[in-house]
């Protein structure tokens, strides 16, 4: 997928454009993107997305815990059939553009003919722009109905509570934690369960503390999110033990899926008890099914 950071980086081509932030790419987002891809027909219109980064709410209101990094969002958009994407840097200046000017700079300038968005989508200064305005500007603007019960806010609440199975039903895929593997204390290796310690973007949501069954790529993984209370830890860590894996992952970017929350993290009476519990966690991970 071609990714541009300004309209001038994209050629002017007939396009079917899905517009929105698409944080997490849940089922509602997928419906909007699918409408743009379908509108492209047999290559007559280029399936395109216009999206925003940082999240508009962080600029206009307050911090938002993202469901995915921008890199992961773009990967999911590409998987959904999007061919080109314009990432609009959301700034107070962008927020202050009159809706007509925003449409000219970010939609008409790249050749948009069809524009699709979710119900209630607004843009421009004072959020005065809507799909009816785009129609008056000569664009074929189409509204995609909301998917009942599905929203990024709802997904966040479920993930924050550790209910990753319910969140997966809204996402249409498992909840993910993404990060770069960095050095840890190597304690897992001494216990027989070497883990990959993830450095996670501080802007991205990390689900509730606990032990999870999940996967990394084609491999299952037992994942710990928390402070490692058995050893008196205080800093949050995200650690993944990849089953049946040996190798060096340092510096690699991992996308870790969380399939089911197995238990709370806790301290144990002895290290032997800890190892016994981790062994049970690994066996549960082997038996857990990917939720979607």
C-alpha atoms as a PDB file:
ATOM      1  CA  UNK A   1       0.000   0.000   0.000  1.00  0.00           C
ATOM      2  CA  UNK A   2       1.233   3.481  -0.865  1.00  0.00           C
ATOM      3  CA  UNK A   3       1.275   5.776   2.179  1.00  0.00           C
ATOM      4  CA  UNK A   4       1.485   9.562   1.804  1.00  0.00           C
ATOM      5  CA  UNK A   5       1.859  12.267   4.430  1.00  0.00           C
ATOM      6  CA  UNK A   6       0.598  15.069   2.214  1.00  0.00           C
ATOM      7  CA  UNK A   7      -1.913  15.254  -0.611  1.00  0.00           C
ATOM      8  CA  UNK A   8       0.822  16.322  -3.011  1.00  0.00           C
ATOM      9  CA  UNK A   9       2.541  12.949  -2.603  1.00  0.00           C
ATOM     10  CA  UNK A  10      -0.424  11.179  -4.207  1.00  0.00           C
ATOM     11  CA  UNK A  11      -1.218  11.463  -7.890  1.00  0.00           C
ATOM     12  CA  UNK A  12      -4.597  12.868  -8.847  1.00  0.00           C
ATOM     13  CA  UNK A  13      -6.577   9.750  -9.735  1.00  0.00           C
ATOM     14  CA  UNK A  14     -10.274   8.823  -9.589  1.00  0.00           C
ATOM     15  CA  UNK A  15     -10.704   7.503  -6.057  1.00  0.00           C
ATOM     16  CA  UNK A  16     -13.186   5.929  -3.686  1.00  0.00           C
ATOM     17  CA  UNK A  17     -12.142   7.310  -0.320  1.00  0.00           C
ATOM     18  CA  UNK A  18     -12.964   6.063   3.165  1.00  0.00           C
ATOM     19  CA  UNK A  19     -12.366   8.824   5.697  1.00  0.00           C
ATOM     20  CA  UNK A  20     -11.918   8.434   9.444  1.00  0.00           C
ATOM     21  CA  UNK A  21      -9.416   7.769  12.197  1.00  0.00           C
ATOM     22  CA  UNK A  22     -10.020   3.990  12.162  1.00  0.00           C
ATOM     23  CA  UNK A  23      -8.269   3.390  15.489  1.00  0.00           C
ATOM     24  CA  UNK A  24      -8.275  -0.359  16.037  1.00  0.00           C
ATOM     25  CA  UNK A  25     -10.028  -1.174  12.763  1.00  0.00           C
ATOM     26  CA  UNK A  26     -13.070  -2.679  14.481  1.00  0.00           C
ATOM     27  CA  UNK A  27     -16.095  -4.107  12.649  1.00  0.00           C
ATOM     28  CA  UNK A  28     -17.620  -0.665  12.117  1.00  0.00           C
ATOM     29  CA  UNK A  29     -14.411   0.638  10.578  1.00  0.00           C
ATOM     30  CA  UNK A  30     -14.174  -2.426   8.394  1.00  0.00           C
ATOM     31  CA  UNK A  31     -17.674  -1.785   7.065  1.00  0.00           C
ATOM     32  CA  UNK A  32     -16.663   1.746   6.023  1.00  0.00           C
ATOM     33  CA  UNK A  33     -13.448   0.579   4.376  1.00  0.00           C
ATOM     34  CA  UNK A  34     -15.240  -2.272   2.629  1.00  0.00           C
ATOM     35  CA  UNK A  35     -17.736   0.223   1.174  1.00  0.00           C
ATOM     36  CA  UNK A  36     -14.853   2.198  -0.357  1.00  0.00           C
ATOM     37  CA  UNK A  37     -13.170  -0.932  -1.686  1.00  0.00           C
ATOM     38  CA  UNK A  38     -16.446  -2.141  -3.187  1.00  0.00           C
ATOM     39  CA  UNK A  39     -17.085   1.287  -4.716  1.00  0.00           C
ATOM     40  CA  UNK A  40     -13.794   0.939  -6.540  1.00  0.00           C
ATOM     41  CA  UNK A  41     -15.449  -1.617  -8.761  1.00  0.00           C
ATOM     42  CA  UNK A  42     -13.154  -3.233 -11.291  1.00  0.00           C
ATOM     43  CA  UNK A  43     -10.290  -0.840 -10.828  1.00  0.00           C
ATOM     44  CA  UNK A  44     -12.247   2.199 -11.976  1.00  0.00           C
ATOM     45  CA  UNK A  45     -11.634   3.999  -8.666  1.00  0.00           C
ATOM     46  CA  UNK A  46      -8.586   3.568  -6.433  1.00  0.00           C
ATOM     47  CA  UNK A  47      -9.601   2.321  -2.951  1.00  0.00           C
ATOM     48  CA  UNK A  48      -8.090   4.989  -0.721  1.00  0.00           C
ATOM     49  CA  UNK A  49      -8.200   5.973   2.943  1.00  0.00           C
ATOM     50  CA  UNK A  50      -7.795   9.426   4.440  1.00  0.00           C
ATOM     51  CA  UNK A  51      -6.947   8.989   8.096  1.00  0.00           C
ATOM     52  CA  UNK A  52      -5.612  11.115  10.941  1.00  0.00           C
ATOM     53  CA  UNK A  53      -2.624  10.990  13.242  1.00  0.00           C
ATOM     54  CA  UNK A  54      -2.371  11.818  16.066  1.00  0.00           C
ATOM     55  CA  UNK A  55      -5.900  10.919  17.145  1.00  0.00           C
ATOM     56  CA  UNK A  56      -8.064  14.067  16.821  1.00  0.00           C
ATOM     57  CA  UNK A  57      -9.346  13.719  20.376  1.00  0.00           C
ATOM     58  CA  UNK A  58      -5.808  14.051  21.758  1.00  0.00           C
ATOM     59  CA  UNK A  59      -5.551  17.433  20.059  1.00  0.00           C
ATOM     60  CA  UNK A  60      -9.060  18.691  20.736  1.00  0.00           C
ATOM     61  CA  UNK A  61      -9.994  17.142  24.065  1.00  0.00           C
ATOM     62  CA  UNK A  62      -7.642  14.873  25.981  1.00  0.00           C
ATOM     63  CA  UNK A  63      -5.309  11.888  25.738  1.00  0.00           C
ATOM     64  CA  UNK A  64      -6.733   8.755  24.166  1.00  0.00           C
ATOM     65  CA  UNK A  65      -5.256   5.301  24.662  1.00  0.00           C
ATOM     66  CA  UNK A  66      -4.907   4.053  21.102  1.00  0.00           C
ATOM     67  CA  UNK A  67      -5.936   0.531  20.145  1.00  0.00           C
ATOM     68  CA  UNK A  68      -3.100   0.281  17.625  1.00  0.00           C
ATOM     69  CA  UNK A  69      -0.039   2.179  16.483  1.00  0.00           C
ATOM     70  CA  UNK A  70      -0.249   4.040  13.201  1.00  0.00           C
ATOM     71  CA  UNK A  71       2.012   1.400  11.652  1.00  0.00           C
ATOM     72  CA  UNK A  72      -0.358  -1.375  12.677  1.00  0.00           C
ATOM     73  CA  UNK A  73      -3.420   0.607  11.581  1.00  0.00           C
ATOM     74  CA  UNK A  74      -1.941   0.979   8.101  1.00  0.00           C
ATOM     75  CA  UNK A  75      -1.162  -2.746   7.949  1.00  0.00           C
ATOM     76  CA  UNK A  76      -4.771  -3.561   8.821  1.00  0.00           C
ATOM     77  CA  UNK A  77      -6.045  -1.104   6.205  1.00  0.00           C
ATOM     78  CA  UNK A  78      -3.837  -2.719   3.575  1.00  0.00           C
ATOM     79  CA  UNK A  79      -5.142  -6.151   4.589  1.00  0.00           C
ATOM     80  CA  UNK A  80      -8.670  -4.809   4.045  1.00  0.00           C
ATOM     81  CA  UNK A  81      -7.940  -3.953   0.412  1.00  0.00           C
ATOM     82  CA  UNK A  82      -6.903  -0.303   0.610  1.00  0.00           C
ATOM     83  CA  UNK A  83      -4.373   0.565  -2.094  1.00  0.00           C
ATOM     84  CA  UNK A  84      -3.341   4.082  -1.056  1.00  0.00           C
ATOM     85  CA  UNK A  85      -3.572   6.056   2.178  1.00  0.00           C
ATOM     86  CA  UNK A  86      -3.210   9.722   3.055  1.00  0.00           C
ATOM     87  CA  UNK A  87      -2.192  10.240   6.692  1.00  0.00           C
ATOM     88  CA  UNK A  88      -3.241  13.748   7.677  1.00  0.00           C
ATOM     89  CA  UNK A  89      -1.233  15.165  10.576  1.00  0.00           C
ATOM     90  CA  UNK A  90      -3.992  16.370  12.862  1.00  0.00           C
ATOM     91  CA  UNK A  91      -3.032  19.744  14.297  1.00  0.00           C
ATOM     92  CA  UNK A  92      -4.983  22.726  15.658  1.00  0.00           C
ATOM     93  CA  UNK A  93      -4.489  24.311  12.228  1.00  0.00           C
ATOM     94  CA  UNK A  94      -6.119  21.325  10.501  1.00  0.00           C
ATOM     95  CA  UNK A  95      -8.911  21.342  13.076  1.00  0.00           C
ATOM     96  CA  UNK A  96      -9.464  25.026  12.339  1.00  0.00           C
ATOM     97  CA  UNK A  97      -9.885  24.657   8.575  1.00  0.00           C
ATOM     98  CA  UNK A  98     -13.283  25.511   7.176  1.00  0.00           C
ATOM     99  CA  UNK A  99     -14.931  22.271   6.008  1.00  0.00           C
ATOM    100  CA  UNK A 100     -14.877  23.340   2.363  1.00  0.00           C
ATOM    101  CA  UNK A 101     -11.150  24.037   2.555  1.00  0.00           C
ATOM    102  CA  UNK A 102     -10.449  20.703   4.222  1.00  0.00           C
ATOM    103  CA  UNK A 103     -12.414  18.938   1.476  1.00  0.00           C
ATOM    104  CA  UNK A 104     -10.446  20.748  -1.221  1.00  0.00           C
ATOM    105  CA  UNK A 105      -7.047  20.055   0.395  1.00  0.00           C
ATOM    106  CA  UNK A 106      -7.526  16.436   1.445  1.00  0.00           C
ATOM    107  CA  UNK A 107     -10.194  14.959  -0.838  1.00  0.00           C
ATOM    108  CA  UNK A 108     -10.691  16.868  -4.070  1.00  0.00           C
ATOM    109  CA  UNK A 109      -6.926  17.461  -4.397  1.00  0.00           C
ATOM    110  CA  UNK A 110      -6.273  13.716  -4.682  1.00  0.00           C
ATOM    111  CA  UNK A 111      -9.131  13.003  -7.100  1.00  0.00           C
ATOM    112  CA  UNK A 112     -11.809  11.702  -4.736  1.00  0.00           C
ATOM    113  CA  UNK A 113     -15.056  10.961  -6.518  1.00  0.00           C
ATOM    114  CA  UNK A 114     -16.755   8.708  -3.968  1.00  0.00           C
ATOM    115  CA  UNK A 115     -16.337   9.433  -0.243  1.00  0.00           C
ATOM    116  CA  UNK A 116     -17.664   7.069   2.425  1.00  0.00           C
ATOM    117  CA  UNK A 117     -17.782   7.584   6.175  1.00  0.00           C
ATOM    118  CA  UNK A 118     -19.587   6.265   9.204  1.00  0.00           C
ATOM    119  CA  UNK A 119     -22.862   7.760  10.361  1.00  0.00           C
ATOM    120  CA  UNK A 120     -22.295  10.965  12.269  1.00  0.00           C
ATOM    121  CA  UNK A 121     -18.863  11.690  10.795  1.00  0.00           C
ATOM    122  CA  UNK A 122     -18.008  15.387  11.060  1.00  0.00           C
ATOM    123  CA  UNK A 123     -14.981  17.399  10.045  1.00  0.00           C
ATOM    124  CA  UNK A 124     -13.596  20.910   9.778  1.00  0.00           C
ATOM    125  CA  UNK A 125     -13.861  23.954  11.994  1.00  0.00           C
ATOM    126  CA  UNK A 126     -16.422  23.524  14.775  1.00  0.00           C
ATOM    127  CA  UNK A 127     -17.111  20.074  13.250  1.00  0.00           C
ATOM    128  CA  UNK A 128     -19.380  21.858  10.786  1.00  0.00           C
ATOM    129  CA  UNK A 129     -18.640  19.590   7.807  1.00  0.00           C
ATOM    130  CA  UNK A 130     -20.685  16.523   6.993  1.00  0.00           C
ATOM    131  CA  UNK A 131     -21.481  14.259   4.077  1.00  0.00           C
ATOM    132  CA  UNK A 132     -24.226  16.573   2.839  1.00  0.00           C
ATOM    133  CA  UNK A 133     -21.639  19.332   2.435  1.00  0.00           C
ATOM    134  CA  UNK A 134     -19.456  16.984   0.403  1.00  0.00           C
ATOM    135  CA  UNK A 135     -22.427  16.235  -1.834  1.00  0.00           C
ATOM    136  CA  UNK A 136     -22.916  19.951  -2.403  1.00  0.00           C
ATOM    137  CA  UNK A 137     -19.274  20.115  -3.470  1.00  0.00           C
ATOM    138  CA  UNK A 138     -19.997  17.552  -6.169  1.00  0.00           C
ATOM    139  CA  UNK A 139     -18.719  14.413  -4.462  1.00  0.00           C
ATOM    140  CA  UNK A 140     -20.646  11.161  -4.272  1.00  0.00           C
ATOM    141  CA  UNK A 141     -20.733  11.045  -0.457  1.00  0.00           C
ATOM    142  CA  UNK A 142     -22.123   7.884   1.100  1.00  0.00           C
ATOM    143  CA  UNK A 143     -22.975   7.129   4.708  1.00  0.00           C
ATOM    144  CA  UNK A 144     -22.249   3.696   6.157  1.00  0.00           C
ATOM    145  CA  UNK A 145     -24.540   2.735   9.068  1.00  0.00           C
ATOM    146  CA  UNK A 146     -22.933   2.172  12.437  1.00  0.00           C
ATOM    147  CA  UNK A 147     -22.540  -1.428  13.562  1.00  0.00           C
ATOM    148  CA  UNK A 148     -24.729  -1.738  16.634  1.00  0.00           C
ATOM    149  CA  UNK A 149     -22.795  -1.975  19.885  1.00  0.00           C
ATOM    150  CA  UNK A 150     -19.405  -1.504  18.232  1.00  0.00           C
ATOM    151  CA  UNK A 151     -17.159   1.470  19.005  1.00  0.00           C
ATOM    152  CA  UNK A 152     -13.523   2.120  19.791  1.00  0.00           C
ATOM    153  CA  UNK A 153     -14.588   3.347  23.232  1.00  0.00           C
ATOM    154  CA  UNK A 154     -16.372   0.075  23.965  1.00  0.00           C
ATOM    155  CA  UNK A 155     -13.360  -1.937  22.790  1.00  0.00           C
ATOM    156  CA  UNK A 156     -11.109   0.129  25.069  1.00  0.00           C
ATOM    157  CA  UNK A 157     -13.318  -0.486  28.094  1.00  0.00           C
ATOM    158  CA  UNK A 158     -13.392  -4.230  27.488  1.00  0.00           C
ATOM    159  CA  UNK A 159      -9.635  -4.447  26.991  1.00  0.00           C
ATOM    160  CA  UNK A 160      -8.976  -2.340  30.073  1.00  0.00           C
ATOM    161  CA  UNK A 161     -11.099  -4.833  32.029  1.00  0.00           C
ATOM    162  CA  UNK A 162      -9.209  -7.805  30.565  1.00  0.00           C
ATOM    163  CA  UNK A 163     -12.247  -9.123  28.656  1.00  0.00           C
ATOM    164  CA  UNK A 164     -10.281  -9.698  25.470  1.00  0.00           C
ATOM    165  CA  UNK A 165     -12.729 -12.292  24.164  1.00  0.00           C
ATOM    166  CA  UNK A 166     -15.624  -9.806  24.138  1.00  0.00           C
ATOM    167  CA  UNK A 167     -13.347  -7.137  22.650  1.00  0.00           C
ATOM    168  CA  UNK A 168     -12.338  -9.539  19.880  1.00  0.00           C
ATOM    169  CA  UNK A 169     -15.970  -9.948  18.870  1.00  0.00           C
ATOM    170  CA  UNK A 170     -16.177  -6.178  18.268  1.00  0.00           C
ATOM    171  CA  UNK A 171     -12.834  -5.995  16.506  1.00  0.00           C
ATOM    172  CA  UNK A 172     -13.378  -9.026  14.300  1.00  0.00           C
ATOM    173  CA  UNK A 173      -9.881 -10.127  15.351  1.00  0.00           C
ATOM    174  CA  UNK A 174      -8.001 -10.642  18.627  1.00  0.00           C
ATOM    175  CA  UNK A 175      -6.882  -7.767  20.804  1.00  0.00           C
ATOM    176  CA  UNK A 176      -3.215  -7.038  20.144  1.00  0.00           C
ATOM    177  CA  UNK A 177      -0.229  -5.627  21.991  1.00  0.00           C
ATOM    178  CA  UNK A 178       2.588  -4.474  19.740  1.00  0.00           C
ATOM    179  CA  UNK A 179       6.131  -3.656  20.693  1.00  0.00           C
ATOM    180  CA  UNK A 180       9.839  -4.064  20.090  1.00  0.00           C
ATOM    181  CA  UNK A 181      11.680  -6.825  21.943  1.00  0.00           C
ATOM    182  CA  UNK A 182      14.172  -5.362  24.415  1.00  0.00           C
ATOM    183  CA  UNK A 183      16.447  -6.812  27.033  1.00  0.00           C
ATOM    184  CA  UNK A 184      14.941  -7.849  30.366  1.00  0.00           C
ATOM    185  CA  UNK A 185      16.237  -9.429  33.539  1.00  0.00           C
ATOM    186  CA  UNK A 186      16.456 -12.852  31.821  1.00  0.00           C
ATOM    187  CA  UNK A 187      14.737 -14.472  34.800  1.00  0.00           C
ATOM    188  CA  UNK A 188      12.329 -16.388  32.573  1.00  0.00           C
ATOM    189  CA  UNK A 189      15.220 -18.266  30.984  1.00  0.00           C
ATOM    190  CA  UNK A 190      16.444 -19.472  34.367  1.00  0.00           C
ATOM    191  CA  UNK A 191      12.939 -20.810  35.056  1.00  0.00           C
ATOM    192  CA  UNK A 192      12.798 -22.652  31.740  1.00  0.00           C
ATOM    193  CA  UNK A 193      10.388 -20.198  30.103  1.00  0.00           C
ATOM    194  CA  UNK A 194      12.409 -17.496  28.291  1.00  0.00           C
ATOM    195  CA  UNK A 195      10.231 -14.516  27.424  1.00  0.00           C
ATOM    196  CA  UNK A 196      10.332 -11.677  24.931  1.00  0.00           C
ATOM    197  CA  UNK A 197      10.080  -8.395  26.833  1.00  0.00           C
ATOM    198  CA  UNK A 198       8.169  -5.799  24.800  1.00  0.00           C
ATOM    199  CA  UNK A 199       8.777  -2.066  24.724  1.00  0.00           C
ATOM    200  CA  UNK A 200       5.251  -0.784  24.014  1.00  0.00           C
ATOM    201  CA  UNK A 201       4.410   2.669  22.656  1.00  0.00           C
ATOM    202  CA  UNK A 202       3.161   4.654  25.691  1.00  0.00           C
ATOM    203  CA  UNK A 203       0.248   6.028  23.646  1.00  0.00           C
ATOM    204  CA  UNK A 204      -1.143   2.535  23.005  1.00  0.00           C
ATOM    205  CA  UNK A 205      -3.573   0.775  25.335  1.00  0.00           C
ATOM    206  CA  UNK A 206      -2.270  -2.250  27.222  1.00  0.00           C
ATOM    207  CA  UNK A 207      -5.040  -4.507  28.593  1.00  0.00           C
ATOM    208  CA  UNK A 208      -5.591  -5.293  32.264  1.00  0.00           C
ATOM    209  CA  UNK A 209      -2.813  -6.903  34.249  1.00  0.00           C
ATOM    210  CA  UNK A 210      -2.913 -10.681  34.173  1.00  0.00           C
ATOM    211  CA  UNK A 211      -1.757 -13.813  32.421  1.00  0.00           C
ATOM    212  CA  UNK A 212      -3.130 -14.423  28.928  1.00  0.00           C
ATOM    213  CA  UNK A 213      -3.163 -17.156  26.313  1.00  0.00           C
ATOM    214  CA  UNK A 214      -2.483 -15.856  22.844  1.00  0.00           C
ATOM    215  CA  UNK A 215      -0.247 -16.014  19.841  1.00  0.00           C
ATOM    216  CA  UNK A 216       2.542 -14.388  17.874  1.00  0.00           C
ATOM    217  CA  UNK A 217       2.264 -15.117  14.173  1.00  0.00           C
ATOM    218  CA  UNK A 218       1.814 -18.853  13.728  1.00  0.00           C
ATOM    219  CA  UNK A 219       2.990 -19.662  17.263  1.00  0.00           C
ATOM    220  CA  UNK A 220       1.053 -19.773  20.482  1.00  0.00           C
ATOM    221  CA  UNK A 221       2.275 -17.642  23.349  1.00  0.00           C
ATOM    222  CA  UNK A 222       1.652 -17.296  27.062  1.00  0.00           C
ATOM    223  CA  UNK A 223       1.698 -13.608  27.906  1.00  0.00           C
ATOM    224  CA  UNK A 224       2.229 -11.808  31.192  1.00  0.00           C
ATOM    225  CA  UNK A 225       1.095  -8.210  31.629  1.00  0.00           C
ATOM    226  CA  UNK A 226       1.910  -6.638  34.969  1.00  0.00           C
ATOM    227  CA  UNK A 227       4.629  -5.902  37.485  1.00  0.00           C
ATOM    228  CA  UNK A 228       5.853  -9.448  38.244  1.00  0.00           C
ATOM    229  CA  UNK A 229       4.781  -9.356  41.925  1.00  0.00           C
ATOM    230  CA  UNK A 230       6.538 -12.613  42.823  1.00  0.00           C
ATOM    231  CA  UNK A 231       9.847 -10.785  42.465  1.00  0.00           C
ATOM    232  CA  UNK A 232       8.634  -7.494  43.924  1.00  0.00           C
ATOM    233  CA  UNK A 233       8.441  -5.665  40.613  1.00  0.00           C
ATOM    234  CA  UNK A 234       6.972  -2.178  40.320  1.00  0.00           C
ATOM    235  CA  UNK A 235       7.206  -1.322  36.613  1.00  0.00           C
ATOM    236  CA  UNK A 236       4.683  -2.638  34.118  1.00  0.00           C
ATOM    237  CA  UNK A 237       6.023  -5.278  31.777  1.00  0.00           C
ATOM    238  CA  UNK A 238       4.602  -7.091  28.792  1.00  0.00           C
ATOM    239  CA  UNK A 239       6.335 -10.448  28.329  1.00  0.00           C
ATOM    240  CA  UNK A 240       5.530 -13.220  25.877  1.00  0.00           C
ATOM    241  CA  UNK A 241       6.714 -16.807  26.107  1.00  0.00           C
ATOM    242  CA  UNK A 242       6.541 -18.300  22.602  1.00  0.00           C
ATOM    243  CA  UNK A 243       5.775 -21.986  22.841  1.00  0.00           C
ATOM    244  CA  UNK A 244       8.189 -24.347  21.109  1.00  0.00           C
ATOM    245  CA  UNK A 245      10.433 -21.503  19.997  1.00  0.00           C
ATOM    246  CA  UNK A 246      14.148 -21.023  20.315  1.00  0.00           C
ATOM    247  CA  UNK A 247      15.899 -18.052  18.808  1.00  0.00           C
ATOM    248  CA  UNK A 248      16.930 -14.442  19.236  1.00  0.00           C
ATOM    249  CA  UNK A 249      14.104 -11.904  18.998  1.00  0.00           C
ATOM    250  CA  UNK A 250      15.949  -8.844  20.322  1.00  0.00           C
ATOM    251  CA  UNK A 251      15.129  -5.795  18.252  1.00  0.00           C
ATOM    252  CA  UNK A 252      12.243  -7.499  16.459  1.00  0.00           C
ATOM    253  CA  UNK A 253       8.799  -5.924  16.271  1.00  0.00           C
ATOM    254  CA  UNK A 254       6.163  -8.334  17.563  1.00  0.00           C
ATOM    255  CA  UNK A 255       2.384  -8.159  17.284  1.00  0.00           C
ATOM    256  CA  UNK A 256       1.088 -10.269  20.175  1.00  0.00           C
ATOM    257  CA  UNK A 257      -2.510 -11.456  20.099  1.00  0.00           C
ATOM    258  CA  UNK A 258      -4.387 -11.888  23.387  1.00  0.00           C
ATOM    259  CA  UNK A 259      -6.945 -14.689  23.080  1.00  0.00           C
ATOM    260  CA  UNK A 260      -8.096 -15.301  26.663  1.00  0.00           C
ATOM    261  CA  UNK A 261      -7.263 -14.013  30.122  1.00  0.00           C
ATOM    262  CA  UNK A 262      -6.219 -17.008  32.187  1.00  0.00           C
ATOM    263  CA  UNK A 263      -5.744 -15.532  35.672  1.00  0.00           C
ATOM    264  CA  UNK A 264      -4.535 -12.663  37.811  1.00  0.00           C
ATOM    265  CA  UNK A 265      -0.822 -12.219  38.333  1.00  0.00           C
ATOM    266  CA  UNK A 266       0.308 -12.970  41.893  1.00  0.00           C
ATOM    267  CA  UNK A 267       3.219 -13.863  44.131  1.00  0.00           C
ATOM    268  CA  UNK A 268       3.851 -17.515  45.035  1.00  0.00           C
ATOM    269  CA  UNK A 269       5.094 -19.250  48.159  1.00  0.00           C
ATOM    270  CA  UNK A 270       8.162 -20.517  46.300  1.00  0.00           C
ATOM    271  CA  UNK A 271       9.828 -20.438  42.923  1.00  0.00           C
ATOM    272  CA  UNK A 272       8.861 -24.092  42.466  1.00  0.00           C
ATOM    273  CA  UNK A 273       5.204 -23.117  42.891  1.00  0.00           C
ATOM    274  CA  UNK A 274       5.683 -20.350  40.309  1.00  0.00           C
ATOM    275  CA  UNK A 275       7.188 -22.784  37.793  1.00  0.00           C
ATOM    276  CA  UNK A 276       4.340 -25.231  38.417  1.00  0.00           C
ATOM    277  CA  UNK A 277       1.779 -22.483  37.712  1.00  0.00           C
ATOM    278  CA  UNK A 278       3.580 -21.326  34.553  1.00  0.00           C
ATOM    279  CA  UNK A 279       3.536 -24.931  33.338  1.00  0.00           C
ATOM    280  CA  UNK A 280      -0.241 -24.987  33.819  1.00  0.00           C
ATOM    281  CA  UNK A 281      -0.536 -21.643  32.020  1.00  0.00           C
ATOM    282  CA  UNK A 282       1.396 -23.050  29.062  1.00  0.00           C
ATOM    283  CA  UNK A 283      -0.853 -26.106  28.877  1.00  0.00           C
ATOM    284  CA  UNK A 284      -3.942 -23.883  28.967  1.00  0.00           C
ATOM    285  CA  UNK A 285      -2.422 -21.806  26.191  1.00  0.00           C
ATOM    286  CA  UNK A 286      -1.998 -24.930  24.079  1.00  0.00           C
ATOM    287  CA  UNK A 287      -5.692 -25.714  24.525  1.00  0.00           C
ATOM    288  CA  UNK A 288      -7.032 -22.184  23.951  1.00  0.00           C
ATOM    289  CA  UNK A 289      -8.693 -21.407  20.638  1.00  0.00           C
ATOM    290  CA  UNK A 290      -8.154 -18.145  18.791  1.00  0.00           C
ATOM    291  CA  UNK A 291     -11.377 -16.173  19.412  1.00  0.00           C
ATOM    292  CA  UNK A 292     -12.208 -15.149  15.802  1.00  0.00           C
END
